[in-house]
Amino acid sequence: MDKKQKTVLAVVFIAIIGFVGLWNVDLSQGYLMISELSSNSDDYVGRDVSTMGMIKNETLDISTNGTSFVLQDLEDPSFELNVIYTGSLPANVVEGQSISIGGKMVSKDMVEANQLVVSCPSKYSE
């Protein structure tokens, strides 16, 4: 094997390793605002979405069937989204807390979440 063939083989090998390494990486746009999901709900119903917001006070319902709550937009609390989550719940989930969710938008105002990430409390206080 000459030097040119070895170089081509090395490039192909690196390309295959890169492709396999990125196989399950989510390359989506990131988080959508709740206001955007609400305003363009027809575009997102039936699709996987990721968003973040704040759990509206007096809406958190934790039961054996799952957890449900209303998620408010961080910038405009008049925009809300109902969320149903059936996974294991982090211990520090409370009303009024910022969280991120990922899941399928099943109707214009409902998401069935399969991911829930709670923001860490600040170590610093004023």
Foldseek 3Di string as FASTA:
>chain_A
DDPVVVVVVVVVVVVVVVCVVCVPPDPDPDADFLVVCLVPVVVQAFHKHKHKAFFAPPAWDQDQQFIWTWGAGHVDRVRIAIETERDDDDPPDDGGFMKMFIAGRNGSRYGYTDDIGGDDDDPDDD
